[in-house]
C-alpha atoms as a PDB file:
ATOM      1  CA  UNK A   1       8.211 -37.288  -0.009  1.00  0.00           C
ATOM      2  CA  UNK A   2       8.225 -33.503   0.709  1.00  0.00           C
ATOM      3  CA  UNK A   3       7.227 -32.260   4.131  1.00  0.00           C
ATOM      4  CA  UNK A   4       5.009 -29.173   4.114  1.00  0.00           C
ATOM      5  CA  UNK A   5       4.336 -26.909   7.068  1.00  0.00           C
ATOM      6  CA  UNK A   6       0.790 -27.022   8.417  1.00  0.00           C
ATOM      7  CA  UNK A   7       0.011 -23.489   7.187  1.00  0.00           C
ATOM      8  CA  UNK A   8       0.204 -24.253   3.469  1.00  0.00           C
ATOM      9  CA  UNK A   9      -3.107 -24.888   1.732  1.00  0.00           C
ATOM     10  CA  UNK A  10      -2.792 -26.661  -1.589  1.00  0.00           C
ATOM     11  CA  UNK A  11      -5.103 -26.577  -4.607  1.00  0.00           C
ATOM     12  CA  UNK A  12      -6.949 -29.766  -3.623  1.00  0.00           C
ATOM     13  CA  UNK A  13      -7.740 -28.392  -0.192  1.00  0.00           C
ATOM     14  CA  UNK A  14      -9.173 -25.247  -1.778  1.00  0.00           C
ATOM     15  CA  UNK A  15     -11.366 -27.344  -4.100  1.00  0.00           C
ATOM     16  CA  UNK A  16     -12.637 -29.414  -1.177  1.00  0.00           C
ATOM     17  CA  UNK A  17     -13.401 -26.286   0.877  1.00  0.00           C
ATOM     18  CA  UNK A  18     -15.242 -24.727  -2.082  1.00  0.00           C
ATOM     19  CA  UNK A  19     -17.355 -27.869  -2.541  1.00  0.00           C
ATOM     20  CA  UNK A  20     -18.245 -27.965   1.158  1.00  0.00           C
ATOM     21  CA  UNK A  21     -19.273 -24.288   1.074  1.00  0.00           C
ATOM     22  CA  UNK A  22     -21.372 -24.932  -2.044  1.00  0.00           C
ATOM     23  CA  UNK A  23     -23.097 -27.884  -0.376  1.00  0.00           C
ATOM     24  CA  UNK A  24     -23.745 -25.988   2.861  1.00  0.00           C
ATOM     25  CA  UNK A  25     -25.093 -22.750   1.416  1.00  0.00           C
ATOM     26  CA  UNK A  26     -26.335 -23.678  -2.059  1.00  0.00           C
ATOM     27  CA  UNK A  27     -25.816 -21.830  -5.324  1.00  0.00           C
ATOM     28  CA  UNK A  28     -28.294 -19.030  -4.595  1.00  0.00           C
ATOM     29  CA  UNK A  29     -26.917 -17.997  -1.196  1.00  0.00           C
ATOM     30  CA  UNK A  30     -23.268 -17.657  -2.210  1.00  0.00           C
ATOM     31  CA  UNK A  31     -23.742 -14.427  -4.261  1.00  0.00           C
ATOM     32  CA  UNK A  32     -25.681 -12.927  -1.350  1.00  0.00           C
ATOM     33  CA  UNK A  33     -22.897 -13.878   1.059  1.00  0.00           C
ATOM     34  CA  UNK A  34     -20.243 -12.366  -1.224  1.00  0.00           C
ATOM     35  CA  UNK A  35     -22.295  -9.173  -1.585  1.00  0.00           C
ATOM     36  CA  UNK A  36     -22.530  -8.855   2.184  1.00  0.00           C
ATOM     37  CA  UNK A  37     -18.808  -9.558   2.531  1.00  0.00           C
ATOM     38  CA  UNK A  38     -18.027  -6.874  -0.059  1.00  0.00           C
ATOM     39  CA  UNK A  39     -20.167  -4.327   1.782  1.00  0.00           C
ATOM     40  CA  UNK A  40     -18.414  -5.192   5.030  1.00  0.00           C
ATOM     41  CA  UNK A  41     -14.959  -4.763   3.507  1.00  0.00           C
ATOM     42  CA  UNK A  42     -15.977  -1.437   1.927  1.00  0.00           C
ATOM     43  CA  UNK A  43     -17.346  -0.200   5.250  1.00  0.00           C
ATOM     44  CA  UNK A  44     -14.141  -1.257   7.016  1.00  0.00           C
ATOM     45  CA  UNK A  45     -11.971   0.588   4.473  1.00  0.00           C
ATOM     46  CA  UNK A  46     -14.143   3.694   4.745  1.00  0.00           C
ATOM     47  CA  UNK A  47     -13.744   3.603   8.529  1.00  0.00           C
ATOM     48  CA  UNK A  48      -9.969   3.285   8.246  1.00  0.00           C
ATOM     49  CA  UNK A  49      -9.810   6.194   5.792  1.00  0.00           C
ATOM     50  CA  UNK A  50     -11.929   8.327   8.126  1.00  0.00           C
ATOM     51  CA  UNK A  51      -9.653   7.608  11.092  1.00  0.00           C
ATOM     52  CA  UNK A  52      -6.552   8.417   9.016  1.00  0.00           C
ATOM     53  CA  UNK A  53      -8.157  11.708   7.926  1.00  0.00           C
ATOM     54  CA  UNK A  54      -8.961  12.584  11.545  1.00  0.00           C
ATOM     55  CA  UNK A  55      -5.385  11.834  12.599  1.00  0.00           C
ATOM     56  CA  UNK A  56      -4.011  14.056   9.822  1.00  0.00           C
ATOM     57  CA  UNK A  57      -6.394  16.865  10.799  1.00  0.00           C
ATOM     58  CA  UNK A  58      -5.333  16.686  14.449  1.00  0.00           C
ATOM     59  CA  UNK A  59      -1.667  16.571  13.452  1.00  0.00           C
ATOM     60  CA  UNK A  60      -2.096  19.608  11.210  1.00  0.00           C
ATOM     61  CA  UNK A  61      -3.907  21.473  13.993  1.00  0.00           C
ATOM     62  CA  UNK A  62      -1.187  20.665  16.515  1.00  0.00           C
ATOM     63  CA  UNK A  63       1.535  21.704  14.080  1.00  0.00           C
ATOM     64  CA  UNK A  64      -0.255  25.003  13.427  1.00  0.00           C
ATOM     65  CA  UNK A  65      -0.588  25.707  17.147  1.00  0.00           C
ATOM     66  CA  UNK A  66       3.066  24.796  17.705  1.00  0.00           C
ATOM     67  CA  UNK A  67       4.174  27.176  14.947  1.00  0.00           C
ATOM     68  CA  UNK A  68       2.035  30.026  16.321  1.00  0.00           C
ATOM     69  CA  UNK A  69       3.323  29.557  19.869  1.00  0.00           C
ATOM     70  CA  UNK A  70       6.935  29.768  18.709  1.00  0.00           C
ATOM     71  CA  UNK A  71       6.276  32.945  16.697  1.00  0.00           C
ATOM     72  CA  UNK A  72       4.697  34.739  19.662  1.00  0.00           C
ATOM     73  CA  UNK A  73       7.780  34.466  21.877  1.00  0.00           C
END
């Protein structure tokens, strides 16, 4: 008999979880929940992209100021 670590979720566990979710929320609520989850993920990705853009802008500004300071001396 194989011994599996506690972190592994097998196919039967996924089926059982899906059935429990279906029973709890019903067939009509699941698409609404997934839509809300999708909007949340999209918003999160947009926020990450905005922060990365701001970091690049600040880095470019600092590099430009560093290059100008060296040229003045």
